[in-house]
Amino acid sequence: MKMKKYTADTMVEAMKKVRSDFGDDAVILSSNVVKTTGFLGLFKRKMVEVVAGFDEPPQAKIQKPTLFEKEAAQISPIESDLKKEMHDMKVLLQEMKQATSFANFPDSLSPLLTTLEAQGLSKETIYHIGNLLFTTMKEDKKDLTTVEQKQQAAAVLAELFADLPFGGIDTTKKYINVLGPTGVGKTTTIAKIAARALLENKKKVGFITTDTYRIAAIEQLRTYANLLQAPVEIAYNREDFKAAIDKLKDVDLVFIDTAGRNYKETKYVDDVKQLIDFSLDMETFLVLSVTAKEDDMKAVVEKFTSFPIEKFIFTKVDETSSIGPMFNLMKQFQIGAAYFTDGQEVPEDLTEATVKVLIDRLLAGVDDA
């Protein structure tokens, strides 16, 4: 048997070399991950080392095997193990085509990159951060401390979101419209924002609810409104909405609480368009719960792309350890964030969103040691 050792960046590249020399009948005898030392002993890289073999056809006259030899060949444990290993390698190669890893980055970046991955940040953004940090390390010919990594990662993220709007409501706008699917906590969030406007900005506030499908929702809003000594109007249709607007003409800020529905269905989105007058002096926010699946949140946002969504409001941040999807949504749809909530207390558990606050929270899990 001819044997040869191959070293490559990935198993796929190693297998290409094996096939080039020995063809598809090659046998993988062993495979290992090894590390190579780079410039000045820095930037160690992970490489794949494969030992492959190939049985050359005999040059002498080929004799027919005996019955004993045939039976022995069929039950050879070595051959069986080799065939199993070849099968496992083929399965591994298929998986590696779809898998992503951080093997091409220095080991020192692994804690940061794996933390971002655990946070649910998109692979595209993680690799963008990793490449820029690795470039800095190569240019400076030295490693980065964990603190320096976090600082540079924060700077990269800040640049990515620099052009998006962040921060709370515009108190010069009279109408604050809040949209969102069922169960995201819209009513409580509206109460928090209204309480801040009343207590901190000394604004006279009022409420309109179009959530007429749930009696509990109306009563919940009435409870908050009573605490704030604010009027509440109920709108079942467009005419009711117009009447409510007229009744609240002397109020500084009118908060509109829309119905929580399954907005992945177009019908419910159309109902919102027919009920609310978006031509008013209005800011519109879309509320999303960070505990929902990212694909489900994306589906909701896509249904509202025809609406003038100013910013996102993210709720239930305290109920998840993965806030990367917030960044993924903002990046994909180029919509900033107004607030995020991390509890049920009104109005305490409401934080005005800034790029720095969100990035600091994202990177909080990286150990500074």
Protein backbone atom coordinates (compact mmCIF):
# COMPACT_ATOMS: atom_id res chain seq x y z
CA MET A 1 0.00 0.00 0.00
CA LYS A 2 1.27 3.46 -0.91
CA MET A 3 0.79 6.02 1.86
CA LYS A 4 1.09 9.80 1.90
CA LYS A 5 0.53 12.57 4.46
CA TYR A 6 -1.44 15.72 3.53
CA THR A 7 -1.81 19.02 5.40
CA ALA A 8 -4.47 21.57 4.48
CA ASP A 9 -6.58 24.36 5.98
CA THR A 10 -9.75 22.28 5.86
CA MET A 11 -10.76 18.65 5.47
CA VAL A 12 -12.35 19.49 2.12
CA GLU A 13 -9.02 20.77 0.76
CA ALA A 14 -7.20 17.74 2.15
CA MET A 15 -9.63 15.37 0.46
CA LYS A 16 -9.17 17.18 -2.85
CA LYS A 17 -5.44 16.51 -2.63
CA VAL A 18 -6.05 12.84 -1.78
CA ARG A 19 -8.40 12.37 -4.72
CA SER A 20 -5.94 14.13 -7.03
CA ASP A 21 -3.19 11.62 -6.16
CA PHE A 22 -5.09 8.39 -5.49
CA GLY A 23 -8.58 8.83 -6.91
CA ASP A 24 -11.85 7.82 -5.27
CA ASP A 25 -10.49 4.44 -4.14
CA ALA A 26 -8.13 6.00 -1.60
CA VAL A 27 -8.38 4.90 2.03
CA ILE A 28 -8.16 7.43 4.87
CA LEU A 29 -5.91 5.86 7.49
CA SER A 30 -5.97 8.73 9.99
CA SER A 31 -7.01 12.38 10.36
CA ASN A 32 -6.03 14.93 13.00
CA VAL A 33 -6.23 18.64 13.73
CA VAL A 34 -2.76 20.13 14.21
CA LYS A 35 -1.51 23.64 14.95
CA THR A 36 1.19 25.44 13.00
CA THR A 37 3.30 28.29 14.36
CA GLY A 38 3.07 31.53 12.45
CA PHE A 39 5.11 34.73 12.35
CA LEU A 40 7.23 35.33 15.50
CA GLY A 41 5.44 32.46 17.19
CA LEU A 42 2.11 34.26 16.96
CA PHE A 43 -1.08 33.57 15.04
CA LYS A 44 -1.14 29.79 15.43
CA ARG A 45 -3.38 28.21 12.84
CA LYS A 46 -5.41 25.06 13.02
CA MET A 47 -4.68 22.70 10.13
CA VAL A 48 -6.04 19.31 9.12
CA GLU A 49 -3.53 16.48 8.74
CA VAL A 50 -4.65 13.40 6.80
CA VAL A 51 -2.80 10.15 6.10
CA ALA A 52 -4.18 8.34 3.05
CA GLY A 53 -3.29 5.08 1.38
CA PHE A 54 -3.89 3.29 -1.90
CA ASP A 55 -3.44 -0.37 -2.83
CA GLU A 56 -1.56 -0.61 -6.13
CA PRO A 57 -2.67 -3.40 -8.46
CA PRO A 58 -0.10 -6.24 -8.52
CA GLN A 59 2.13 -6.44 -11.59
CA ALA A 60 2.33 -10.22 -11.53
CA LYS A 61 -0.25 -12.54 -12.94
CA ILE A 62 -3.46 -12.23 -11.07
CA GLN A 63 -4.70 -15.49 -9.62
CA LYS A 64 -8.28 -16.14 -8.72
CA PRO A 65 -8.78 -16.11 -4.94
CA THR A 66 -9.63 -19.33 -3.22
CA LEU A 67 -12.98 -19.80 -1.53
CA PHE A 68 -11.24 -19.39 1.82
CA GLU A 69 -9.66 -16.12 0.71
CA LYS A 70 -13.02 -14.81 -0.52
CA GLU A 71 -14.66 -15.60 2.80
CA ALA A 72 -11.74 -14.08 4.71
CA ALA A 73 -11.94 -10.92 2.65
CA GLN A 74 -15.65 -10.58 3.31
CA ILE A 75 -15.24 -10.74 7.08
CA SER A 76 -11.93 -8.90 7.47
CA PRO A 77 -12.38 -6.58 10.49
CA ILE A 78 -9.66 -4.24 9.19
CA GLU A 79 -11.39 -3.80 5.85
CA SER A 80 -14.70 -3.34 7.62
CA ASP A 81 -13.25 -0.63 9.85
CA LEU A 82 -11.68 1.13 6.87
CA LYS A 83 -14.93 1.09 4.92
CA LYS A 84 -16.78 2.48 7.94
CA GLU A 85 -14.19 5.21 8.33
CA MET A 86 -14.48 6.11 4.65
CA HIS A 87 -18.25 6.34 5.02
CA ASP A 88 -17.91 8.49 8.14
CA MET A 89 -15.47 10.76 6.32
CA LYS A 90 -17.89 11.25 3.45
CA VAL A 91 -20.64 12.18 5.92
CA LEU A 92 -18.25 14.56 7.68
CA LEU A 93 -17.33 16.23 4.41
CA GLN A 94 -21.00 16.81 3.61
CA GLU A 95 -21.53 18.37 7.02
CA MET A 96 -18.43 20.52 6.68
CA LYS A 97 -19.74 22.04 3.48
CA GLN A 98 -22.55 23.62 5.47
CA ALA A 99 -20.79 24.15 8.77
CA THR A 100 -18.99 27.32 9.73
CA SER A 101 -16.28 27.73 12.33
CA PHE A 102 -13.68 30.17 13.50
CA ALA A 103 -10.71 27.92 12.68
CA ASN A 104 -9.17 30.53 10.40
CA PHE A 105 -8.93 33.05 13.24
CA PRO A 106 -6.35 33.06 16.06
CA ASP A 107 -7.34 31.12 19.17
CA SER A 108 -7.23 34.32 21.19
CA LEU A 109 -10.30 35.61 19.31
CA SER A 110 -12.33 32.48 19.99
CA PRO A 111 -13.96 33.60 23.31
CA LEU A 112 -15.23 36.82 21.72
CA LEU A 113 -16.48 35.21 18.52
CA THR A 114 -18.14 32.27 20.27
CA THR A 115 -19.88 34.67 22.68
CA LEU A 116 -21.27 36.65 19.75
CA GLU A 117 -22.37 33.39 18.15
CA ALA A 118 -24.11 32.34 21.38
CA GLN A 119 -25.84 35.73 21.43
CA GLY A 120 -27.39 34.90 18.06
CA LEU A 121 -25.52 37.55 16.09
CA SER A 122 -25.47 36.73 12.37
CA LYS A 123 -22.48 34.79 11.00
CA GLU A 124 -21.93 37.57 8.46
CA THR A 125 -21.51 40.20 11.18
CA ILE A 126 -19.34 37.93 13.35
CA TYR A 127 -16.97 37.21 10.47
CA HIS A 128 -16.85 40.90 9.62
CA ILE A 129 -15.76 41.67 13.19
CA GLY A 130 -13.30 38.76 13.25
CA ASN A 131 -11.66 39.74 9.97
CA LEU A 132 -11.15 43.34 11.04
CA LEU A 133 -9.67 42.33 14.40
CA PHE A 134 -7.40 39.75 12.77
CA THR A 135 -6.21 42.37 10.28
CA THR A 136 -5.31 44.68 13.16
CA MET A 137 -3.38 41.90 14.87
CA LYS A 138 -1.40 41.10 11.73
CA GLU A 139 -0.61 44.74 11.06
CA ASP A 140 0.53 45.39 14.65
CA LYS A 141 2.25 41.96 14.86
CA LYS A 142 0.81 41.33 18.30
CA ASP A 143 -2.20 39.83 20.02
CA LEU A 144 -5.11 41.88 21.33
CA THR A 145 -6.16 41.73 24.96
CA THR A 146 -9.77 40.84 25.68
CA VAL A 147 -10.49 44.45 26.60
CA GLU A 148 -8.99 45.64 23.31
CA GLN A 149 -11.00 43.05 21.40
CA LYS A 150 -14.24 44.25 23.00
CA GLN A 151 -13.36 47.89 22.32
CA GLN A 152 -12.61 47.23 18.67
CA ALA A 153 -15.67 44.97 18.25
CA ALA A 154 -17.82 47.72 19.77
CA ALA A 155 -16.34 50.24 17.34
CA VAL A 156 -17.07 47.96 14.37
CA LEU A 157 -20.69 47.48 15.47
CA ALA A 158 -21.13 51.19 16.16
CA GLU A 159 -20.01 51.94 12.61
CA LEU A 160 -22.40 49.35 11.16
CA PHE A 161 -25.38 51.03 12.85
CA ALA A 162 -24.19 54.65 12.75
CA ASP A 163 -26.74 55.74 10.15
CA LEU A 164 -29.81 54.27 11.89
CA PRO A 165 -32.09 56.30 14.19
CA PHE A 166 -32.01 55.49 17.91
CA GLY A 167 -33.65 56.98 20.99
CA GLY A 168 -37.12 57.53 22.39
CA ILE A 169 -40.26 59.16 21.06
CA ASP A 170 -40.30 62.56 19.42
CA THR A 171 -42.44 64.57 21.85
CA THR A 172 -43.10 67.17 19.15
CA LYS A 173 -45.25 64.58 17.36
CA LYS A 174 -48.76 64.39 18.76
CA TYR A 175 -49.62 60.77 17.91
CA ILE A 176 -47.57 57.77 19.00
CA ASN A 177 -48.76 54.65 17.19
CA VAL A 178 -47.58 51.27 18.47
CA LEU A 179 -47.95 48.13 16.36
CA GLY A 180 -47.00 44.54 17.08
CA PRO A 181 -48.19 40.93 17.25
CA THR A 182 -50.04 39.40 20.15
CA GLY A 183 -48.18 38.70 23.36
CA VAL A 184 -45.28 41.12 22.94
CA GLY A 185 -46.40 43.46 25.73
CA LYS A 186 -47.58 46.49 23.73
CA THR A 187 -50.02 47.82 26.32
CA THR A 188 -47.54 47.71 29.19
CA THR A 189 -44.87 49.27 26.98
CA ILE A 190 -47.20 52.11 25.98
CA ALA A 191 -47.97 52.74 29.65
CA LYS A 192 -44.25 52.96 30.45
CA ILE A 193 -43.56 55.44 27.65
CA ALA A 194 -46.63 57.54 28.52
CA ALA A 195 -45.66 57.63 32.20
CA ARG A 196 -42.18 58.88 31.27
CA ALA A 197 -43.66 61.58 29.02
CA LEU A 198 -45.98 62.68 31.83
CA LEU A 199 -43.44 62.61 34.65
CA GLU A 200 -40.27 63.73 32.87
CA ASN A 201 -41.58 65.91 30.02
CA LYS A 202 -44.71 67.21 31.79
CA LYS A 203 -46.86 66.25 28.81
CA LYS A 204 -50.61 65.77 29.03
CA VAL A 205 -51.26 62.27 27.67
CA GLY A 206 -54.27 60.36 26.37
CA PHE A 207 -54.94 56.93 24.91
CA ILE A 208 -56.82 55.37 22.02
CA THR A 209 -57.20 51.60 21.94
CA THR A 210 -58.20 49.69 18.82
CA ASP A 211 -57.71 46.36 20.58
CA THR A 212 -61.41 45.64 20.78
CA TYR A 213 -60.95 41.88 20.43
CA ARG A 214 -59.92 41.41 24.05
CA ILE A 215 -61.86 42.93 26.94
CA ALA A 216 -58.87 42.31 29.21
CA ALA A 217 -56.69 44.49 27.00
CA ILE A 218 -59.10 47.43 27.26
CA GLU A 219 -59.34 47.04 31.04
CA GLN A 220 -55.57 46.83 31.35
CA LEU A 221 -55.16 50.11 29.45
CA ARG A 222 -57.94 51.74 31.54
CA THR A 223 -56.06 50.74 34.71
CA TYR A 224 -52.85 52.40 33.52
CA ALA A 225 -54.76 55.45 32.28
CA ASN A 226 -56.49 55.90 35.65
CA LEU A 227 -53.12 55.85 37.39
CA LEU A 228 -51.90 58.56 35.02
CA GLN A 229 -55.24 60.42 35.19
CA ALA A 230 -55.41 60.24 31.42
CA PRO A 231 -58.46 59.86 29.14
CA VAL A 232 -59.05 56.68 27.11
CA GLU A 233 -61.06 56.35 23.90
CA ILE A 234 -62.07 53.10 22.18
CA ALA A 235 -62.12 52.83 18.38
CA TYR A 236 -63.97 49.94 16.77
CA ASN A 237 -63.76 51.38 13.25
CA ARG A 238 -62.41 54.35 11.24
CA GLU A 239 -65.30 56.61 12.26
CA ASP A 240 -64.68 55.85 15.94
CA PHE A 241 -61.00 56.60 15.40
CA LYS A 242 -61.79 60.02 13.92
CA ALA A 243 -64.14 60.77 16.81
CA ALA A 244 -61.47 59.77 19.32
CA ILE A 245 -58.96 62.08 17.67
CA ASP A 246 -61.43 64.95 18.01
CA LYS A 247 -62.12 64.21 21.69
CA LEU A 248 -58.38 64.20 22.48
CA LYS A 249 -57.58 67.40 20.57
CA ASP A 250 -56.45 69.17 23.77
CA VAL A 251 -54.00 66.41 24.74
CA ASP A 252 -50.25 66.84 24.08
CA LEU A 253 -49.51 63.19 23.26
CA VAL A 254 -51.98 60.53 22.13
CA PHE A 255 -50.81 56.93 22.45
CA ILE A 256 -52.54 54.48 20.10
CA ASP A 257 -52.65 50.87 21.29
CA THR A 258 -53.41 48.60 18.34
CA ALA A 259 -54.81 45.08 18.49
CA GLY A 260 -52.40 42.22 19.02
CA ARG A 261 -52.99 39.79 16.18
CA ASN A 262 -51.08 37.23 14.14
CA TYR A 263 -49.64 39.77 11.74
CA LYS A 264 -48.04 37.10 9.59
CA GLU A 265 -51.53 37.00 8.07
CA THR A 266 -52.09 39.80 5.54
CA LYS A 267 -55.76 40.25 6.52
CA TYR A 268 -54.91 41.63 9.95
CA VAL A 269 -52.33 44.00 8.50
CA ASP A 270 -54.94 45.35 6.10
CA ASP A 271 -57.32 45.90 9.04
CA VAL A 272 -54.75 48.23 10.64
CA LYS A 273 -54.45 50.24 7.43
CA GLN A 274 -58.21 50.68 7.24
CA LEU A 275 -58.59 51.72 10.87
CA ILE A 276 -55.72 54.14 11.56
CA ASP A 277 -55.08 57.40 9.74
CA PHE A 278 -51.31 57.36 9.10
CA SER A 279 -51.41 60.83 7.52
CA LEU A 280 -51.60 62.41 10.99
CA ASP A 281 -48.62 63.99 12.76
CA MET A 282 -47.57 60.55 13.91
CA GLU A 283 -44.65 58.34 14.88
CA THR A 284 -45.14 54.61 14.36
CA PHE A 285 -43.21 51.94 16.25
CA LEU A 286 -43.16 48.18 15.80
CA VAL A 287 -42.92 46.16 19.02
CA LEU A 288 -41.19 42.77 18.91
CA SER A 289 -40.45 40.30 21.69
CA VAL A 290 -36.82 39.14 21.72
CA THR A 291 -38.01 35.77 23.06
CA ALA A 292 -39.65 35.00 19.70
CA LYS A 293 -37.86 33.08 16.95
CA GLU A 294 -35.84 35.34 14.70
CA ASP A 295 -37.53 34.01 11.55
CA ASP A 296 -40.95 34.76 13.06
CA MET A 297 -39.89 38.31 13.91
CA LYS A 298 -38.59 38.79 10.37
CA ALA A 299 -41.89 37.55 8.95
CA VAL A 300 -43.77 40.15 11.01
CA VAL A 301 -41.45 42.98 9.96
CA GLU A 302 -41.82 42.01 6.30
CA LYS A 303 -45.60 42.31 6.62
CA PHE A 304 -45.19 45.90 7.85
CA THR A 305 -42.69 47.10 5.25
CA SER A 306 -45.42 49.24 3.65
CA PHE A 307 -45.96 51.09 6.96
CA PRO A 308 -43.91 54.14 8.03
CA ILE A 309 -42.10 52.29 10.84
CA GLU A 310 -39.77 54.76 12.56
CA LYS A 311 -38.05 52.40 15.01
CA PHE A 312 -38.34 49.06 16.76
CA ILE A 313 -39.23 48.58 20.41
CA PHE A 314 -37.82 45.31 21.77
CA THR A 315 -39.52 43.72 24.77
CA LYS A 316 -38.73 40.89 27.24
CA VAL A 317 -34.98 41.39 26.97
CA ASP A 318 -34.70 40.11 30.54
CA GLU A 319 -36.20 36.78 29.49
CA THR A 320 -33.46 35.82 27.02
CA SER A 321 -29.69 35.54 26.95
CA SER A 322 -29.53 36.05 23.18
CA ILE A 323 -30.05 39.59 21.94
CA GLY A 324 -28.13 39.18 18.68
CA PRO A 325 -31.40 38.94 16.69
CA MET A 326 -32.10 42.57 17.61
CA PHE A 327 -28.96 43.60 15.73
CA ASN A 328 -29.73 41.23 12.85
CA LEU A 329 -33.19 42.75 12.35
CA MET A 330 -31.94 46.32 12.56
CA LYS A 331 -29.18 45.56 10.04
CA GLN A 332 -31.40 43.68 7.61
CA PHE A 333 -34.28 46.18 7.57
CA GLN A 334 -32.24 49.32 8.32
CA ILE A 335 -34.54 50.32 11.17
CA GLY A 336 -33.18 51.59 14.48
CA ALA A 337 -34.50 51.10 18.01
CA ALA A 338 -36.38 53.41 20.36
CA TYR A 339 -36.54 51.39 23.59
CA PHE A 340 -36.11 47.96 25.06
CA THR A 341 -37.91 46.62 28.11
CA ASP A 342 -36.53 44.24 30.72
CA GLY A 343 -39.35 43.75 33.22
CA GLN A 344 -42.99 44.53 34.03
CA GLU A 345 -42.55 47.50 36.36
CA VAL A 346 -44.11 50.74 35.08
CA PRO A 347 -42.34 52.96 34.21
CA GLU A 348 -39.01 51.66 35.60
CA ASP A 349 -38.30 48.69 33.32
CA LEU A 350 -37.89 50.73 30.16
CA THR A 351 -34.53 51.74 28.68
CA GLU A 352 -34.07 54.23 25.89
CA ALA A 353 -32.06 52.54 23.17
CA THR A 354 -28.71 53.87 22.06
CA VAL A 355 -26.04 52.11 20.02
CA LYS A 356 -23.68 52.09 22.99
CA VAL A 357 -26.20 50.68 25.46
CA LEU A 358 -27.16 47.85 23.11
CA ILE A 359 -23.56 46.99 22.19
CA ASP A 360 -22.46 47.00 25.82
CA ARG A 361 -25.24 44.55 26.62
CA LEU A 362 -24.28 42.34 23.68
CA LEU A 363 -20.63 42.19 24.75
CA ALA A 364 -21.33 41.85 28.47
CA GLY A 365 -20.81 38.09 28.35
CA VAL A 366 -17.19 38.36 27.21
CA ASP A 367 -14.85 37.86 30.18
CA ASP A 368 -12.44 40.79 30.61
CA ALA A 369 -9.84 38.63 32.31
